[in-house]
Amino acid sequence: MSSSEFAMLPLPEKIQLLYREGTFVVAIRYYGYKINLYLLKGFYVEVFYNHKLDKIDRIDLLPNSHTRLKFYSDQISLPNDLLN
């Protein structure tokens, strides 16, 4: 499965796939969310958990150019190609 195929899945299917095949990497807090970062089939996926509502609001691919990468790289070592 490619990242673009994953992106087109409905939320419940994304959750199931991540639960079965994803590898949890790290969690951060960001604007009221707890964001869990997963590695799935060679691409990174963010799970936006709204703790106030006790639900997953969305699951998105992590863009290589997003400023949130800094928050993750402060806690773990990410591959250089992801940070460039």
PDB file of N, CA and C in Angstrom:
ATOM      1  N   MET A   1       0.847  -1.183   0.000  1.00  0.00           N
ATOM      2  CA  MET A   1       0.000   0.000   0.000  1.00  0.00           C
ATOM      3  C   MET A   1       0.888   1.240   0.000  1.00  0.00           C
ATOM      4  N   SER A   2       0.563   2.170  -0.845  1.00  0.00           N
ATOM      5  CA  SER A   2       1.312   3.419  -0.919  1.00  0.00           C
ATOM      6  C   SER A   2       0.727   4.433   0.068  1.00  0.00           C
ATOM      7  N   SER A   3       1.478   5.494   0.299  1.00  0.00           N
ATOM      8  CA  SER A   3       0.996   6.545   1.197  1.00  0.00           C
ATOM      9  C   SER A   3      -0.257   7.219   0.630  1.00  0.00           C
ATOM     10  N   SER A   4      -0.320   7.378  -0.687  1.00  0.00           N
ATOM     11  CA  SER A   4      -1.510   8.003  -1.279  1.00  0.00           C
ATOM     12  C   SER A   4      -2.735   7.101  -1.147  1.00  0.00           C
ATOM     13  N   GLU A   5      -2.550   5.786  -1.241  1.00  0.00           N
ATOM     14  CA  GLU A   5      -3.668   4.858  -1.028  1.00  0.00           C
ATOM     15  C   GLU A   5      -4.135   4.913   0.424  1.00  0.00           C
ATOM     16  N   PHE A   6      -3.180   4.982   1.354  1.00  0.00           N
ATOM     17  CA  PHE A   6      -3.527   5.096   2.764  1.00  0.00           C
ATOM     18  C   PHE A   6      -4.325   6.363   3.024  1.00  0.00           C
ATOM     19  N   ALA A   7      -3.888   7.473   2.441  1.00  0.00           N
ATOM     20  CA  ALA A   7      -4.536   8.767   2.659  1.00  0.00           C
ATOM     21  C   ALA A   7      -6.000   8.751   2.232  1.00  0.00           C
ATOM     22  N   MET A   8      -6.353   7.911   1.274  1.00  0.00           N
ATOM     23  CA  MET A   8      -7.724   7.878   0.763  1.00  0.00           C
ATOM     24  C   MET A   8      -8.644   6.947   1.568  1.00  0.00           C
ATOM     25  N   LEU A   9      -8.091   6.190   2.502  1.00  0.00           N
ATOM     26  CA  LEU A   9      -8.918   5.280   3.300  1.00  0.00           C
ATOM     27  C   LEU A   9      -9.808   6.054   4.273  1.00  0.00           C
ATOM     28  N   PRO A  10     -10.967   5.519   4.614  1.00  0.00           N
ATOM     29  CA  PRO A  10     -11.794   6.116   5.660  1.00  0.00           C
ATOM     30  C   PRO A  10     -11.096   5.973   7.020  1.00  0.00           C
ATOM     31  N   LEU A  11     -11.423   6.853   7.934  1.00  0.00           N
ATOM     32  CA  LEU A  11     -10.785   6.870   9.259  1.00  0.00           C
ATOM     33  C   LEU A  11     -10.804   5.507   9.956  1.00  0.00           C
ATOM     34  N   PRO A  12     -11.935   4.797  10.015  1.00  0.00           N
ATOM     35  CA  PRO A  12     -11.923   3.495  10.706  1.00  0.00           C
ATOM     36  C   PRO A  12     -10.931   2.492  10.103  1.00  0.00           C
ATOM     37  N   GLU A  13     -10.760   2.520   8.782  1.00  0.00           N
ATOM     38  CA  GLU A  13      -9.805   1.610   8.144  1.00  0.00           C
ATOM     39  C   GLU A  13      -8.364   2.025   8.440  1.00  0.00           C
ATOM     40  N   LYS A  14      -8.110   3.333   8.504  1.00  0.00           N
ATOM     41  CA  LYS A  14      -6.776   3.810   8.871  1.00  0.00           C
ATOM     42  C   LYS A  14      -6.428   3.345  10.283  1.00  0.00           C
ATOM     43  N   ILE A  15      -7.381   3.451  11.196  1.00  0.00           N
ATOM     44  CA  ILE A  15      -7.158   3.032  12.579  1.00  0.00           C
ATOM     45  C   ILE A  15      -6.812   1.553  12.642  1.00  0.00           C
ATOM     46  N   GLN A  16      -7.589   0.729  11.957  1.00  0.00           N
ATOM     47  CA  GLN A  16      -7.351  -0.715  11.963  1.00  0.00           C
ATOM     48  C   GLN A  16      -5.982  -1.067  11.370  1.00  0.00           C
ATOM     49  N   LEU A  17      -5.625  -0.432  10.268  1.00  0.00           N
ATOM     50  CA  LEU A  17      -4.348  -0.715   9.633  1.00  0.00           C
ATOM     51  C   LEU A  17      -3.182  -0.316  10.532  1.00  0.00           C
ATOM     52  N   LEU A  18      -3.276   0.852  11.153  1.00  0.00           N
ATOM     53  CA  LEU A  18      -2.221   1.276  12.065  1.00  0.00           C
ATOM     54  C   LEU A  18      -2.116   0.346  13.266  1.00  0.00           C
ATOM     55  N   TYR A  19      -3.253  -0.094  13.783  1.00  0.00           N
ATOM     56  CA  TYR A  19      -3.260  -0.995  14.936  1.00  0.00           C
ATOM     57  C   TYR A  19      -2.587  -2.321  14.577  1.00  0.00           C
ATOM     58  N   ARG A  20      -2.867  -2.829  13.382  1.00  0.00           N
ATOM     59  CA  ARG A  20      -2.340  -4.128  12.972  1.00  0.00           C
ATOM     60  C   ARG A  20      -0.898  -4.067  12.475  1.00  0.00           C
ATOM     61  N   GLU A  21      -0.551  -3.021  11.721  1.00  0.00           N
ATOM     62  CA  GLU A  21       0.723  -3.033  11.012  1.00  0.00           C
ATOM     63  C   GLU A  21       1.658  -1.863  11.320  1.00  0.00           C
ATOM     64  N   GLY A  22       1.171  -0.851  12.011  1.00  0.00           N
ATOM     65  CA  GLY A  22       1.995   0.319  12.296  1.00  0.00           C
ATOM     66  C   GLY A  22       2.897   0.117  13.491  1.00  0.00           C
ATOM     67  N   THR A  23       3.965   0.896  13.530  1.00  0.00           N
ATOM     68  CA  THR A  23       4.893   0.893  14.656  1.00  0.00           C
ATOM     69  C   THR A  23       4.871   2.270  15.299  1.00  0.00           C
ATOM     70  N   PHE A  24       4.493   2.321  16.577  1.00  0.00           N
ATOM     71  CA  PHE A  24       4.480   3.590  17.306  1.00  0.00           C
ATOM     72  C   PHE A  24       5.907   4.098  17.434  1.00  0.00           C
ATOM     73  N   VAL A  25       6.098   5.404  17.180  1.00  0.00           N
ATOM     74  CA  VAL A  25       7.421   6.011  17.253  1.00  0.00           C
ATOM     75  C   VAL A  25       7.532   6.927  18.466  1.00  0.00           C
ATOM     76  N   VAL A  26       6.662   7.921  18.553  1.00  0.00           N
ATOM     77  CA  VAL A  26       6.730   8.900  19.644  1.00  0.00           C
ATOM     78  C   VAL A  26       5.421   9.689  19.683  1.00  0.00           C
ATOM     79  N   ALA A  27       5.163  10.331  20.814  1.00  0.00           N
ATOM     80  CA  ALA A  27       3.982  11.197  20.947  1.00  0.00           C
ATOM     81  C   ALA A  27       4.437  12.593  21.346  1.00  0.00           C
ATOM     82  N   ILE A  28       3.707  13.588  20.845  1.00  0.00           N
ATOM     83  CA  ILE A  28       3.959  14.978  21.232  1.00  0.00           C
ATOM     84  C   ILE A  28       2.623  15.629  21.579  1.00  0.00           C
ATOM     85  N   ARG A  29       2.692  16.771  22.238  1.00  0.00           N
ATOM     86  CA  ARG A  29       1.515  17.622  22.466  1.00  0.00           C
ATOM     87  C   ARG A  29       1.622  18.800  21.511  1.00  0.00           C
ATOM     88  N   TYR A  30       0.493  19.118  20.865  1.00  0.00           N
ATOM     89  CA  TYR A  30       0.519  20.167  19.853  1.00  0.00           C
ATOM     90  C   TYR A  30      -0.873  20.779  19.745  1.00  0.00           C
ATOM     91  N   TYR A  31      -1.020  22.039  20.148  1.00  0.00           N
ATOM     92  CA  TYR A  31      -2.281  22.772  20.035  1.00  0.00           C
ATOM     93  C   TYR A  31      -3.491  21.972  20.515  1.00  0.00           C
ATOM     94  N   GLY A  32      -3.446  21.470  21.715  1.00  0.00           N
ATOM     95  CA  GLY A  32      -4.591  20.774  22.287  1.00  0.00           C
ATOM     96  C   GLY A  32      -4.727  19.321  21.880  1.00  0.00           C
ATOM     97  N   TYR A  33      -3.824  18.840  21.068  1.00  0.00           N
ATOM     98  CA  TYR A  33      -3.848  17.444  20.642  1.00  0.00           C
ATOM     99  C   TYR A  33      -2.677  16.684  21.241  1.00  0.00           C
ATOM    100  N   LYS A  34      -2.881  15.417  21.431  1.00  0.00           N
ATOM    101  CA  LYS A  34      -1.771  14.493  21.608  1.00  0.00           C
ATOM    102  C   LYS A  34      -1.626  13.845  20.234  1.00  0.00           C
ATOM    103  N   ILE A  35      -0.465  14.008  19.628  1.00  0.00           N
ATOM    104  CA  ILE A  35      -0.241  13.456  18.296  1.00  0.00           C
ATOM    105  C   ILE A  35       0.719  12.285  18.419  1.00  0.00           C
ATOM    106  N   ASN A  36       0.245  11.120  18.025  1.00  0.00           N
ATOM    107  CA  ASN A  36       1.073   9.925  18.014  1.00  0.00           C
ATOM    108  C   ASN A  36       1.640   9.747  16.609  1.00  0.00           C
ATOM    109  N   LEU A  37       2.939   9.566  16.542  1.00  0.00           N
ATOM    110  CA  LEU A  37       3.611   9.352  15.269  1.00  0.00           C
ATOM    111  C   LEU A  37       3.852   7.856  15.082  1.00  0.00           C
ATOM    112  N   TYR A  38       3.457   7.337  13.925  1.00  0.00           N
ATOM    113  CA  TYR A  38       3.629   5.927  13.591  1.00  0.00           C
ATOM    114  C   TYR A  38       4.412   5.798  12.306  1.00  0.00           C
ATOM    115  N   LEU A  39       5.123   4.701  12.185  1.00  0.00           N
ATOM    116  CA  LEU A  39       5.769   4.325  10.937  1.00  0.00           C
ATOM    117  C   LEU A  39       4.959   3.184  10.351  1.00  0.00           C
ATOM    118  N   LEU A  40       4.532   3.344   9.112  1.00  0.00           N
ATOM    119  CA  LEU A  40       3.700   2.344   8.449  1.00  0.00           C
ATOM    120  C   LEU A  40       4.176   2.184   7.013  1.00  0.00           C
ATOM    121  N   LYS A  41       4.705   1.011   6.702  1.00  0.00           N
ATOM    122  CA  LYS A  41       5.099   0.688   5.323  1.00  0.00           C
ATOM    123  C   LYS A  41       6.049   1.722   4.718  1.00  0.00           C
ATOM    124  N   GLY A  42       6.931   2.274   5.541  1.00  0.00           N
ATOM    125  CA  GLY A  42       7.938   3.202   5.037  1.00  0.00           C
ATOM    126  C   GLY A  42       7.553   4.665   5.037  1.00  0.00           C
ATOM    127  N   PHE A  43       6.353   5.002   5.512  1.00  0.00           N
ATOM    128  CA  PHE A  43       5.970   6.415   5.615  1.00  0.00           C
ATOM    129  C   PHE A  43       5.458   6.697   7.024  1.00  0.00           C
ATOM    130  N   TYR A  44       5.514   7.974   7.391  1.00  0.00           N
ATOM    131  CA  TYR A  44       5.099   8.386   8.734  1.00  0.00           C
ATOM    132  C   TYR A  44       3.655   8.888   8.717  1.00  0.00           C
ATOM    133  N   VAL A  45       2.942   8.522   9.777  1.00  0.00           N
ATOM    134  CA  VAL A  45       1.525   8.851   9.909  1.00  0.00           C
ATOM    135  C   VAL A  45       1.308   9.471  11.287  1.00  0.00           C
ATOM    136  N   GLU A  46       0.525  10.543  11.334  1.00  0.00           N
ATOM    137  CA  GLU A  46       0.183  11.191  12.600  1.00  0.00           C
ATOM    138  C   GLU A  46      -1.265  10.897  12.961  1.00  0.00           C
ATOM    139  N   VAL A  47      -1.470  10.553  14.230  1.00  0.00           N
ATOM    140  CA  VAL A  47      -2.811  10.325  14.758  1.00  0.00           C
ATOM    141  C   VAL A  47      -3.102  11.459  15.731  1.00  0.00           C
ATOM    142  N   PHE A  48      -4.110  12.270  15.402  1.00  0.00           N
ATOM    143  CA  PHE A  48      -4.478  13.434  16.216  1.00  0.00           C
ATOM    144  C   PHE A  48      -5.561  13.032  17.204  1.00  0.00           C
ATOM    145  N   TYR A  49      -5.143  12.900  18.458  1.00  0.00           N
ATOM    146  CA  TYR A  49      -6.070  12.481  19.509  1.00  0.00           C
ATOM    147  C   TYR A  49      -6.497  13.706  20.316  1.00  0.00           C
ATOM    148  N   ASN A  50      -7.799  13.938  20.381  1.00  0.00           N
ATOM    149  CA  ASN A  50      -8.366  15.036  21.153  1.00  0.00           C
ATOM    150  C   ASN A  50      -8.714  14.486  22.530  1.00  0.00           C
ATOM    151  N   HIS A  51      -7.867  14.786  23.512  1.00  0.00           N
ATOM    152  CA  HIS A  51      -8.080  14.204  24.840  1.00  0.00           C
ATOM    153  C   HIS A  51      -9.290  14.795  25.551  1.00  0.00           C
ATOM    154  N   LYS A  52      -9.675  16.007  25.220  1.00  0.00           N
ATOM    155  CA  LYS A  52     -10.864  16.590  25.848  1.00  0.00           C
ATOM    156  C   LYS A  52     -12.139  15.878  25.414  1.00  0.00           C
ATOM    157  N   LEU A  53     -12.191  15.472  24.157  1.00  0.00           N
ATOM    158  CA  LEU A  53     -13.354  14.770  23.632  1.00  0.00           C
ATOM    159  C   LEU A  53     -13.173  13.251  23.633  1.00  0.00           C
ATOM    160  N   ASP A  54     -11.970  12.795  24.006  1.00  0.00           N
ATOM    161  CA  ASP A  54     -11.642  11.368  24.057  1.00  0.00           C
ATOM    162  C   ASP A  54     -11.928  10.681  22.721  1.00  0.00           C
ATOM    163  N   LYS A  55     -11.354  11.263  21.648  1.00  0.00           N
ATOM    164  CA  LYS A  55     -11.560  10.667  20.332  1.00  0.00           C
ATOM    165  C   LYS A  55     -10.428  11.042  19.382  1.00  0.00           C
ATOM    166  N   ILE A  56     -10.264  10.229  18.363  1.00  0.00           N
ATOM    167  CA  ILE A  56      -9.315  10.534  17.299  1.00  0.00           C
ATOM    168  C   ILE A  56     -10.023  11.451  16.314  1.00  0.00           C
ATOM    169  N   ASP A  57      -9.483  12.650  16.127  1.00  0.00           N
ATOM    170  CA  ASP A  57     -10.077  13.606  15.199  1.00  0.00           C
ATOM    171  C   ASP A  57      -9.678  13.332  13.757  1.00  0.00           C
ATOM    172  N   ARG A  58      -8.409  12.952  13.557  1.00  0.00           N
ATOM    173  CA  ARG A  58      -7.967  12.676  12.189  1.00  0.00           C
ATOM    174  C   ARG A  58      -6.657  11.896  12.212  1.00  0.00           C
ATOM    175  N   ILE A  59      -6.380  11.291  11.078  1.00  0.00           N
ATOM    176  CA  ILE A  59      -5.130  10.583  10.857  1.00  0.00           C
ATOM    177  C   ILE A  59      -4.596  11.063   9.512  1.00  0.00           C
ATOM    178  N   ASP A  60      -3.386  11.620   9.531  1.00  0.00           N
ATOM    179  CA  ASP A  60      -2.807  12.210   8.317  1.00  0.00           C
ATOM    180  C   ASP A  60      -1.386  11.722   8.102  1.00  0.00           C
ATOM    181  N   LEU A  61      -0.957  11.772   6.851  1.00  0.00           N
ATOM    182  CA  LEU A  61       0.446  11.549   6.541  1.00  0.00           C
ATOM    183  C   LEU A  61       1.244  12.735   7.065  1.00  0.00           C
ATOM    184  N   LEU A  62       2.454  12.490   7.503  1.00  0.00           N
ATOM    185  CA  LEU A  62       3.313  13.578   7.968  1.00  0.00           C
ATOM    186  C   LEU A  62       4.084  14.131   6.779  1.00  0.00           C
ATOM    187  N   PRO A  63       3.784  15.365   6.378  1.00  0.00           N
ATOM    188  CA  PRO A  63       4.530  15.963   5.253  1.00  0.00           C
ATOM    189  C   PRO A  63       5.988  16.203   5.645  1.00  0.00           C
ATOM    190  N   ASN A  64       6.905  15.899   4.735  1.00  0.00           N
ATOM    191  CA  ASN A  64       8.335  16.067   5.022  1.00  0.00           C
ATOM    192  C   ASN A  64       8.727  17.508   5.310  1.00  0.00           C
ATOM    193  N   SER A  65       7.910  18.452   4.876  1.00  0.00           N
ATOM    194  CA  SER A  65       8.260  19.868   5.047  1.00  0.00           C
ATOM    195  C   SER A  65       7.544  20.523   6.224  1.00  0.00           C
ATOM    196  N   HIS A  66       6.790  19.767   7.012  1.00  0.00           N
ATOM    197  CA  HIS A  66       5.995  20.386   8.074  1.00  0.00           C
ATOM    198  C   HIS A  66       6.867  20.813   9.252  1.00  0.00           C
ATOM    199  N   THR A  67       6.522  21.951   9.840  1.00  0.00           N
ATOM    200  CA  THR A  67       7.286  22.476  10.972  1.00  0.00           C
ATOM    201  C   THR A  67       7.189  21.586  12.207  1.00  0.00           C
ATOM    202  N   ARG A  68       6.183  20.709  12.269  1.00  0.00           N
ATOM    203  CA  ARG A  68       6.060  19.796  13.410  1.00  0.00           C
ATOM    204  C   ARG A  68       7.218  18.818  13.496  1.00  0.00           C
ATOM    205  N   LEU A  69       7.925  18.617  12.403  1.00  0.00           N
ATOM    206  CA  LEU A  69       9.081  17.717  12.424  1.00  0.00           C
ATOM    207  C   LEU A  69      10.074  18.107  13.508  1.00  0.00           C
ATOM    208  N   LYS A  70      10.190  19.393  13.766  1.00  0.00           N
ATOM    209  CA  LYS A  70      11.106  19.872  14.804  1.00  0.00           C
ATOM    210  C   LYS A  70      10.727  19.305  16.163  1.00  0.00           C
ATOM    211  N   PHE A  71       9.434  19.223  16.465  1.00  0.00           N
ATOM    212  CA  PHE A  71       8.989  18.685  17.746  1.00  0.00           C
ATOM    213  C   PHE A  71       9.367  17.208  17.886  1.00  0.00           C
ATOM    214  N   TYR A  72       9.228  16.470  16.795  1.00  0.00           N
ATOM    215  CA  TYR A  72       9.589  15.054  16.828  1.00  0.00           C
ATOM    216  C   TYR A  72      11.095  14.879  16.920  1.00  0.00           C
ATOM    217  N   SER A  73      11.842  15.635  16.118  1.00  0.00           N
ATOM    218  CA  SER A  73      13.289  15.456  16.084  1.00  0.00           C
ATOM    219  C   SER A  73      13.957  15.890  17.386  1.00  0.00           C
ATOM    220  N   ASP A  74      13.269  16.703  18.198  1.00  0.00           N
ATOM    221  CA  ASP A  74      13.793  17.052  19.514  1.00  0.00           C
ATOM    222  C   ASP A  74      13.768  15.850  20.460  1.00  0.00           C
ATOM    223  N   GLN A  75      12.892  14.881  20.184  1.00  0.00           N
ATOM    224  CA  GLN A  75      12.731  13.736  21.073  1.00  0.00           C
ATOM    225  C   GLN A  75      13.385  12.460  20.554  1.00  0.00           C
ATOM    226  N   ILE A  76      13.465  12.326  19.224  1.00  0.00           N
ATOM    227  CA  ILE A  76      14.017  11.110  18.622  1.00  0.00           C
ATOM    228  C   ILE A  76      14.883  11.481  17.443  1.00  0.00           C
ATOM    229  N   SER A  77      15.606  10.521  16.943  1.00  0.00           N
ATOM    230  CA  SER A  77      16.424  10.723  15.753  1.00  0.00           C
ATOM    231  C   SER A  77      15.629  10.279  14.533  1.00  0.00           C
ATOM    232  N   LEU A  78      15.242  11.233  13.688  1.00  0.00           N
ATOM    233  CA  LEU A  78      14.543  10.938  12.455  1.00  0.00           C
ATOM    234  C   LEU A  78      15.540  10.852  11.320  1.00  0.00           C
ATOM    235  N   PRO A  79      15.253  10.047  10.307  1.00  0.00           N
ATOM    236  CA  PRO A  79      16.174   9.951   9.160  1.00  0.00           C
ATOM    237  C   PRO A  79      16.389  11.314   8.516  1.00  0.00           C
ATOM    238  N   ASN A  80      17.622  11.560   8.063  1.00  0.00           N
ATOM    239  CA  ASN A  80      17.964  12.847   7.463  1.00  0.00           C
ATOM    240  C   ASN A  80      17.093  13.202   6.273  1.00  0.00           C
ATOM    241  N   ASP A  81      16.689  12.212   5.469  1.00  0.00           N
ATOM    242  CA  ASP A  81      15.874  12.531   4.296  1.00  0.00           C
ATOM    243  C   ASP A  81      14.496  13.040   4.685  1.00  0.00           C
ATOM    244  N   LEU A  82      14.039  12.723   5.876  1.00  0.00           N
ATOM    245  CA  LEU A  82      12.755  13.232   6.345  1.00  0.00           C
ATOM    246  C   LEU A  82      12.889  14.681   6.797  1.00  0.00           C
ATOM    247  N   LEU A  83      14.053  15.045   7.298  1.00  0.00           N
ATOM    248  CA  LEU A  83      14.263  16.379   7.834  1.00  0.00           C
ATOM    249  C   LEU A  83      14.704  17.378   6.779  1.00  0.00           C
ATOM    250  N   ASN A  84      15.056  16.934   5.610  1.00  0.00           N
ATOM    251  CA  ASN A  84      15.516  17.846   4.551  1.00  0.00           C
ATOM    252  C   ASN A  84      14.445  18.131   3.548  1.00  0.00           C
TER     253      ASN A  84
END
